[in-house]
């Protein structure tokens, strides 16, 4: 199991964790609380899973560039820092793609704050995803028995 916690396989597993976490977790929350009747667009889980794919890939790249070892051995501070940086990158990408243009369409006086809101949301969600995925990988590493580790 420890081989899955490092290198390319670890990056794939981490990205899949982000896809599921963003798609099911954050996308499900969007469906439940922001748009419970499906009046806006009923694709929140798919949209958030796509953001999770991009975020997971960026997060893994940042961790690998920082010279880290296996994901279960990285410090919480480095995990949180890479998560926050991932959120900032996702927020800037969302702004560059024009995803903030529809925010506060009925309230033009709030439109100048839309980029800051987008960056804040993506940063917070990425920090939560980073810490959650790190805890998940640490639980995977702890669940391994010594007999399995020797194979």
C-alpha atoms as a PDB file:
ATOM      1  CA  UNK A   1       0.000   0.000   0.000  1.00  0.00           C
ATOM      2  CA  UNK A   2       2.833   2.392   0.708  1.00  0.00           C
ATOM      3  CA  UNK A   3       3.782   2.362  -2.981  1.00  0.00           C
ATOM      4  CA  UNK A   4       0.430   4.021  -3.692  1.00  0.00           C
ATOM      5  CA  UNK A   5       1.365   6.884  -1.406  1.00  0.00           C
ATOM      6  CA  UNK A   6       4.257   8.179  -3.502  1.00  0.00           C
ATOM      7  CA  UNK A   7       5.243   9.032  -7.044  1.00  0.00           C
ATOM      8  CA  UNK A   8       2.936   8.905 -10.025  1.00  0.00           C
ATOM      9  CA  UNK A   9       0.557   6.379  -8.446  1.00  0.00           C
ATOM     10  CA  UNK A  10       0.221   8.553  -5.374  1.00  0.00           C
ATOM     11  CA  UNK A  11      -0.488  11.597  -7.532  1.00  0.00           C
ATOM     12  CA  UNK A  12      -3.210   9.691  -9.406  1.00  0.00           C
ATOM     13  CA  UNK A  13      -4.730   8.489  -6.138  1.00  0.00           C
ATOM     14  CA  UNK A  14      -4.577  12.004  -4.671  1.00  0.00           C
ATOM     15  CA  UNK A  15      -6.190  13.522  -7.776  1.00  0.00           C
ATOM     16  CA  UNK A  16      -8.959  10.896  -7.664  1.00  0.00           C
ATOM     17  CA  UNK A  17      -9.504  11.766  -4.010  1.00  0.00           C
ATOM     18  CA  UNK A  18      -9.913  15.436  -4.960  1.00  0.00           C
ATOM     19  CA  UNK A  19     -12.285  14.579  -7.812  1.00  0.00           C
ATOM     20  CA  UNK A  20     -14.534  12.542  -5.527  1.00  0.00           C
ATOM     21  CA  UNK A  21     -14.268  15.040  -2.678  1.00  0.00           C
ATOM     22  CA  UNK A  22     -15.080  18.056  -4.814  1.00  0.00           C
ATOM     23  CA  UNK A  23     -17.700  16.307  -6.949  1.00  0.00           C
ATOM     24  CA  UNK A  24     -19.606  14.407  -4.297  1.00  0.00           C
ATOM     25  CA  UNK A  25     -18.784  16.527  -1.265  1.00  0.00           C
ATOM     26  CA  UNK A  26     -18.780  20.120  -2.433  1.00  0.00           C
ATOM     27  CA  UNK A  27     -21.014  19.475  -5.469  1.00  0.00           C
ATOM     28  CA  UNK A  28     -23.531  17.679  -3.282  1.00  0.00           C
ATOM     29  CA  UNK A  29     -23.558  20.583  -0.846  1.00  0.00           C
ATOM     30  CA  UNK A  30     -24.188  22.977  -3.721  1.00  0.00           C
ATOM     31  CA  UNK A  31     -27.093  20.809  -4.880  1.00  0.00           C
ATOM     32  CA  UNK A  32     -28.531  20.565  -1.388  1.00  0.00           C
ATOM     33  CA  UNK A  33     -28.180  24.110  -0.106  1.00  0.00           C
ATOM     34  CA  UNK A  34     -27.514  26.585  -2.908  1.00  0.00           C
ATOM     35  CA  UNK A  35     -29.808  25.114  -5.553  1.00  0.00           C
ATOM     36  CA  UNK A  36     -32.108  22.556  -3.850  1.00  0.00           C
ATOM     37  CA  UNK A  37     -34.795  22.697  -6.554  1.00  0.00           C
ATOM     38  CA  UNK A  38     -32.419  22.546  -9.522  1.00  0.00           C
ATOM     39  CA  UNK A  39     -33.543  25.936 -10.802  1.00  0.00           C
ATOM     40  CA  UNK A  40     -30.114  27.196 -11.832  1.00  0.00           C
ATOM     41  CA  UNK A  41     -28.081  24.467 -13.465  1.00  0.00           C
ATOM     42  CA  UNK A  42     -28.336  20.923 -12.225  1.00  0.00           C
ATOM     43  CA  UNK A  43     -24.746  19.948 -12.887  1.00  0.00           C
ATOM     44  CA  UNK A  44     -23.033  21.039  -9.669  1.00  0.00           C
ATOM     45  CA  UNK A  45     -21.409  17.641  -8.915  1.00  0.00           C
ATOM     46  CA  UNK A  46     -19.954  17.371 -12.429  1.00  0.00           C
ATOM     47  CA  UNK A  47     -18.768  20.980 -12.405  1.00  0.00           C
ATOM     48  CA  UNK A  48     -17.177  20.595  -8.993  1.00  0.00           C
ATOM     49  CA  UNK A  49     -15.581  17.262  -9.986  1.00  0.00           C
ATOM     50  CA  UNK A  50     -13.911  19.040 -12.913  1.00  0.00           C
ATOM     51  CA  UNK A  51     -12.613  21.694 -10.513  1.00  0.00           C
ATOM     52  CA  UNK A  52     -11.442  18.843  -8.263  1.00  0.00           C
ATOM     53  CA  UNK A  53      -9.504  17.321 -11.151  1.00  0.00           C
ATOM     54  CA  UNK A  54      -7.727  20.589 -11.881  1.00  0.00           C
ATOM     55  CA  UNK A  55      -7.189  21.300  -8.185  1.00  0.00           C
ATOM     56  CA  UNK A  56      -5.918  17.793  -7.434  1.00  0.00           C
ATOM     57  CA  UNK A  57      -3.470  17.968 -10.317  1.00  0.00           C
ATOM     58  CA  UNK A  58      -2.184  21.390  -9.255  1.00  0.00           C
ATOM     59  CA  UNK A  59      -1.997  20.269  -5.610  1.00  0.00           C
ATOM     60  CA  UNK A  60       0.060  17.191  -6.499  1.00  0.00           C
ATOM     61  CA  UNK A  61       2.364  19.250  -8.703  1.00  0.00           C
ATOM     62  CA  UNK A  62       2.934  21.739  -5.888  1.00  0.00           C
ATOM     63  CA  UNK A  63       3.663  18.946  -3.418  1.00  0.00           C
ATOM     64  CA  UNK A  64       6.051  17.233  -5.798  1.00  0.00           C
ATOM     65  CA  UNK A  65       7.831  20.518  -6.612  1.00  0.00           C
ATOM     66  CA  UNK A  66       8.315  21.175  -2.905  1.00  0.00           C
ATOM     67  CA  UNK A  67      10.398  17.999  -2.653  1.00  0.00           C
ATOM     68  CA  UNK A  68       8.034  16.078  -0.440  1.00  0.00           C
ATOM     69  CA  UNK A  69       8.168  12.385   0.277  1.00  0.00           C
ATOM     70  CA  UNK A  70       5.122  10.137   0.460  1.00  0.00           C
ATOM     71  CA  UNK A  71       1.829  11.963   0.958  1.00  0.00           C
ATOM     72  CA  UNK A  72       1.296  10.422   4.381  1.00  0.00           C
ATOM     73  CA  UNK A  73       4.637  11.858   5.603  1.00  0.00           C
ATOM     74  CA  UNK A  74       4.163  15.474   4.511  1.00  0.00           C
ATOM     75  CA  UNK A  75       3.671  17.971   7.335  1.00  0.00           C
ATOM     76  CA  UNK A  76       0.262  19.525   7.899  1.00  0.00           C
ATOM     77  CA  UNK A  77       1.737  22.987   7.349  1.00  0.00           C
ATOM     78  CA  UNK A  78       3.060  22.086   3.906  1.00  0.00           C
ATOM     79  CA  UNK A  79      -0.239  20.395   3.034  1.00  0.00           C
ATOM     80  CA  UNK A  80      -2.217  23.480   4.083  1.00  0.00           C
ATOM     81  CA  UNK A  81       0.151  25.829   2.250  1.00  0.00           C
ATOM     82  CA  UNK A  82      -0.084  23.819  -0.974  1.00  0.00           C
ATOM     83  CA  UNK A  83      -3.881  23.667  -0.542  1.00  0.00           C
ATOM     84  CA  UNK A  84      -4.141  27.442  -0.164  1.00  0.00           C
ATOM     85  CA  UNK A  85      -1.864  28.016  -3.155  1.00  0.00           C
ATOM     86  CA  UNK A  86      -3.994  25.585  -5.174  1.00  0.00           C
ATOM     87  CA  UNK A  87      -7.115  27.547  -4.219  1.00  0.00           C
ATOM     88  CA  UNK A  88      -5.521  30.799  -5.295  1.00  0.00           C
ATOM     89  CA  UNK A  89      -4.592  29.271  -8.649  1.00  0.00           C
ATOM     90  CA  UNK A  90      -8.110  27.851  -9.109  1.00  0.00           C
ATOM     91  CA  UNK A  91      -9.638  31.233  -8.262  1.00  0.00           C
ATOM     92  CA  UNK A  92      -7.440  33.057 -10.750  1.00  0.00           C
ATOM     93  CA  UNK A  93      -8.266  30.444 -13.426  1.00  0.00           C
ATOM     94  CA  UNK A  94     -11.986  30.887 -12.725  1.00  0.00           C
ATOM     95  CA  UNK A  95     -11.669  34.652 -13.083  1.00  0.00           C
ATOM     96  CA  UNK A  96      -9.636  34.276 -16.285  1.00  0.00           C
ATOM     97  CA  UNK A  97     -12.319  31.988 -17.735  1.00  0.00           C
ATOM     98  CA  UNK A  98     -14.986  34.565 -16.936  1.00  0.00           C
ATOM     99  CA  UNK A  99     -16.849  32.498 -14.350  1.00  0.00           C
ATOM    100  CA  UNK A 100     -17.431  35.534 -12.157  1.00  0.00           C
ATOM    101  CA  UNK A 101     -19.363  37.492 -14.770  1.00  0.00           C
ATOM    102  CA  UNK A 102     -22.723  36.050 -13.690  1.00  0.00           C
ATOM    103  CA  UNK A 103     -22.177  36.603  -9.976  1.00  0.00           C
ATOM    104  CA  UNK A 104     -24.467  39.304  -8.590  1.00  0.00           C
ATOM    105  CA  UNK A 105     -26.083  39.930 -11.960  1.00  0.00           C
ATOM    106  CA  UNK A 106     -29.099  41.460 -10.207  1.00  0.00           C
ATOM    107  CA  UNK A 107     -26.925  43.577  -7.939  1.00  0.00           C
ATOM    108  CA  UNK A 108     -24.348  45.445 -10.051  1.00  0.00           C
ATOM    109  CA  UNK A 109     -22.899  47.170  -6.987  1.00  0.00           C
ATOM    110  CA  UNK A 110     -21.572  43.766  -5.816  1.00  0.00           C
ATOM    111  CA  UNK A 111     -19.934  42.877  -9.131  1.00  0.00           C
ATOM    112  CA  UNK A 112     -16.514  44.394  -8.236  1.00  0.00           C
ATOM    113  CA  UNK A 113     -16.309  42.004  -5.264  1.00  0.00           C
ATOM    114  CA  UNK A 114     -17.008  38.897  -7.386  1.00  0.00           C
ATOM    115  CA  UNK A 115     -13.340  38.050  -8.099  1.00  0.00           C
ATOM    116  CA  UNK A 116     -12.434  38.322  -4.416  1.00  0.00           C
ATOM    117  CA  UNK A 117     -15.395  36.125  -3.488  1.00  0.00           C
ATOM    118  CA  UNK A 118     -14.380  33.519  -6.092  1.00  0.00           C
ATOM    119  CA  UNK A 119     -10.775  33.446  -4.872  1.00  0.00           C
ATOM    120  CA  UNK A 120     -11.930  33.225  -1.258  1.00  0.00           C
ATOM    121  CA  UNK A 121     -14.263  30.326  -1.962  1.00  0.00           C
ATOM    122  CA  UNK A 122     -11.746  28.341  -4.009  1.00  0.00           C
ATOM    123  CA  UNK A 123      -9.014  28.958  -1.438  1.00  0.00           C
ATOM    124  CA  UNK A 124     -11.179  27.773   1.460  1.00  0.00           C
ATOM    125  CA  UNK A 125     -12.431  24.698  -0.412  1.00  0.00           C
ATOM    126  CA  UNK A 126      -8.919  23.779  -1.536  1.00  0.00           C
ATOM    127  CA  UNK A 127      -7.549  24.085   1.986  1.00  0.00           C
ATOM    128  CA  UNK A 128     -10.326  21.792   3.250  1.00  0.00           C
ATOM    129  CA  UNK A 129      -9.679  19.337   0.409  1.00  0.00           C
ATOM    130  CA  UNK A 130      -5.927  19.357   1.074  1.00  0.00           C
ATOM    131  CA  UNK A 131      -6.265  18.654   4.792  1.00  0.00           C
ATOM    132  CA  UNK A 132      -9.004  16.080   4.169  1.00  0.00           C
ATOM    133  CA  UNK A 133      -7.002  14.197   1.569  1.00  0.00           C
ATOM    134  CA  UNK A 134      -3.894  14.257   3.782  1.00  0.00           C
ATOM    135  CA  UNK A 135      -5.883  12.785   6.657  1.00  0.00           C
ATOM    136  CA  UNK A 136      -7.337  10.177   4.303  1.00  0.00           C
ATOM    137  CA  UNK A 137      -3.879   9.104   3.141  1.00  0.00           C
ATOM    138  CA  UNK A 138      -2.613   8.969   6.721  1.00  0.00           C
ATOM    139  CA  UNK A 139      -5.511   6.702   7.654  1.00  0.00           C
ATOM    140  CA  UNK A 140      -4.638   4.473   4.697  1.00  0.00           C
ATOM    141  CA  UNK A 141      -1.028   4.302   5.855  1.00  0.00           C
ATOM    142  CA  UNK A 142      -2.006   3.493   9.458  1.00  0.00           C
ATOM    143  CA  UNK A 143      -4.395   0.762   8.351  1.00  0.00           C
ATOM    144  CA  UNK A 144      -1.527  -1.178   6.817  1.00  0.00           C
ATOM    145  CA  UNK A 145      -0.286  -4.196   8.738  1.00  0.00           C
ATOM    146  CA  UNK A 146       3.456  -5.049   8.976  1.00  0.00           C
ATOM    147  CA  UNK A 147       2.871  -8.365   7.167  1.00  0.00           C
ATOM    148  CA  UNK A 148       1.440  -6.553   4.154  1.00  0.00           C
ATOM    149  CA  UNK A 149       4.241  -3.960   4.220  1.00  0.00           C
ATOM    150  CA  UNK A 150       6.917  -6.635   3.788  1.00  0.00           C
ATOM    151  CA  UNK A 151       5.537  -7.818   0.417  1.00  0.00           C
END
